[in-house]
């Protein structure tokens, strides 16, 4: 396995994107945001 450092900028962006998508999909998001298209690490 390749485990990235916790403060790797790519990890932060990917996790934030995934959380935003999940919040929007489940209806718990209070704000709408522009989500980048298919970020892949």
N, C-alpha and C. Protein backbone atom coordinates (compact mmCIF):
# COMPACT_ATOMS: atom_id res chain seq x y z
N UNK A 1 0.82 -1.19 0.00
CA UNK A 1 0.00 0.00 0.00
C UNK A 1 0.86 1.25 0.00
N UNK A 2 0.36 2.26 -0.65
CA UNK A 2 1.02 3.56 -0.60
C UNK A 2 0.13 4.45 0.25
N UNK A 3 0.64 4.89 1.38
CA UNK A 3 -0.15 5.72 2.29
C UNK A 3 0.41 7.14 2.23
N UNK A 4 -0.42 8.11 1.81
CA UNK A 4 0.06 9.49 1.73
C UNK A 4 0.19 10.11 3.11
N UNK A 5 0.99 11.15 3.20
CA UNK A 5 1.10 11.90 4.44
C UNK A 5 -0.24 12.57 4.73
N UNK A 6 -0.62 12.72 5.99
CA UNK A 6 -1.93 13.30 6.32
C UNK A 6 -2.12 14.73 5.82
N UNK A 7 -1.04 15.48 5.67
CA UNK A 7 -1.19 16.86 5.23
C UNK A 7 -0.87 17.05 3.75
N UNK A 8 -0.88 15.96 3.00
CA UNK A 8 -0.68 16.03 1.55
C UNK A 8 -1.87 16.79 0.96
N UNK A 9 -1.61 17.85 0.24
CA UNK A 9 -2.66 18.72 -0.32
C UNK A 9 -3.65 17.93 -1.17
N UNK A 10 -3.17 16.94 -1.90
CA UNK A 10 -4.06 16.15 -2.75
C UNK A 10 -5.07 15.37 -1.93
N UNK A 11 -4.65 14.87 -0.78
CA UNK A 11 -5.56 14.12 0.09
C UNK A 11 -6.63 15.04 0.65
N UNK A 12 -6.22 16.20 1.11
CA UNK A 12 -7.17 17.17 1.67
C UNK A 12 -8.22 17.53 0.64
N UNK A 13 -7.81 17.81 -0.57
CA UNK A 13 -8.75 18.18 -1.63
C UNK A 13 -9.68 17.03 -1.98
N UNK A 14 -9.16 15.82 -2.06
CA UNK A 14 -9.98 14.66 -2.41
C UNK A 14 -11.01 14.37 -1.33
N UNK A 15 -10.60 14.46 -0.07
CA UNK A 15 -11.53 14.19 1.03
C UNK A 15 -12.61 15.28 1.09
N UNK A 16 -12.21 16.53 0.94
CA UNK A 16 -13.19 17.63 0.96
C UNK A 16 -14.20 17.46 -0.17
N UNK A 17 -13.73 17.08 -1.33
CA UNK A 17 -14.61 16.87 -2.48
C UNK A 17 -15.58 15.72 -2.21
N UNK A 18 -15.08 14.63 -1.65
CA UNK A 18 -15.93 13.48 -1.36
C UNK A 18 -16.98 13.82 -0.31
N UNK A 19 -16.61 14.57 0.71
CA UNK A 19 -17.55 14.96 1.76
C UNK A 19 -18.63 15.88 1.18
N UNK A 20 -18.23 16.83 0.34
CA UNK A 20 -19.20 17.73 -0.28
C UNK A 20 -20.18 16.96 -1.16
N UNK A 21 -19.67 16.03 -1.96
CA UNK A 21 -20.55 15.22 -2.81
C UNK A 21 -21.54 14.41 -1.98
N UNK A 22 -21.06 13.81 -0.89
CA UNK A 22 -21.92 13.00 -0.04
C UNK A 22 -22.99 13.86 0.63
N UNK A 23 -22.61 15.05 1.08
CA UNK A 23 -23.57 15.94 1.72
C UNK A 23 -24.66 16.38 0.75
N UNK A 24 -24.27 16.70 -0.46
CA UNK A 24 -25.25 17.10 -1.48
C UNK A 24 -26.14 15.93 -1.84
N UNK A 25 -25.54 14.76 -2.05
CA UNK A 25 -26.29 13.56 -2.45
C UNK A 25 -27.30 13.15 -1.38
N UNK A 26 -26.95 13.28 -0.11
CA UNK A 26 -27.84 12.84 0.97
C UNK A 26 -28.79 13.94 1.44
N UNK A 27 -28.62 15.15 0.92
CA UNK A 27 -29.53 16.23 1.25
C UNK A 27 -29.21 16.98 2.54
N UNK A 28 -28.04 16.79 3.11
CA UNK A 28 -27.69 17.49 4.34
C UNK A 28 -26.88 18.76 4.11
N UNK A 29 -26.50 19.02 2.87
CA UNK A 29 -25.72 20.23 2.56
C UNK A 29 -26.60 21.46 2.74
N UNK A 30 -26.07 22.45 3.42
CA UNK A 30 -26.81 23.70 3.61
C UNK A 30 -26.49 24.71 2.52
N UNK A 31 -25.37 24.53 1.85
CA UNK A 31 -24.95 25.42 0.78
C UNK A 31 -24.69 24.59 -0.47
N UNK A 32 -24.85 25.23 -1.61
CA UNK A 32 -24.46 24.56 -2.85
C UNK A 32 -23.06 25.04 -3.21
N UNK A 33 -22.26 24.16 -3.75
CA UNK A 33 -20.89 24.50 -4.11
C UNK A 33 -20.59 23.97 -5.49
N UNK A 34 -19.62 24.58 -6.13
CA UNK A 34 -19.14 24.11 -7.43
C UNK A 34 -18.17 22.97 -7.16
N UNK A 35 -18.46 21.78 -7.66
CA UNK A 35 -17.61 20.62 -7.42
C UNK A 35 -16.81 20.33 -8.69
N UNK A 36 -15.51 20.16 -8.51
CA UNK A 36 -14.64 19.83 -9.64
C UNK A 36 -15.03 18.47 -10.20
N UNK A 37 -14.79 18.29 -11.47
CA UNK A 37 -15.14 17.04 -12.14
C UNK A 37 -14.14 15.94 -11.82
N UNK A 38 -14.61 14.84 -11.27
CA UNK A 38 -13.85 13.60 -11.09
C UNK A 38 -12.38 13.77 -10.75
N UNK A 39 -12.10 14.26 -9.56
CA UNK A 39 -10.71 14.33 -9.09
C UNK A 39 -10.24 12.94 -8.73
N UNK A 40 -9.11 12.55 -9.28
CA UNK A 40 -8.55 11.23 -9.00
C UNK A 40 -7.12 11.42 -8.54
N UNK A 41 -6.79 10.77 -7.45
CA UNK A 41 -5.41 10.86 -6.94
C UNK A 41 -4.60 9.76 -7.59
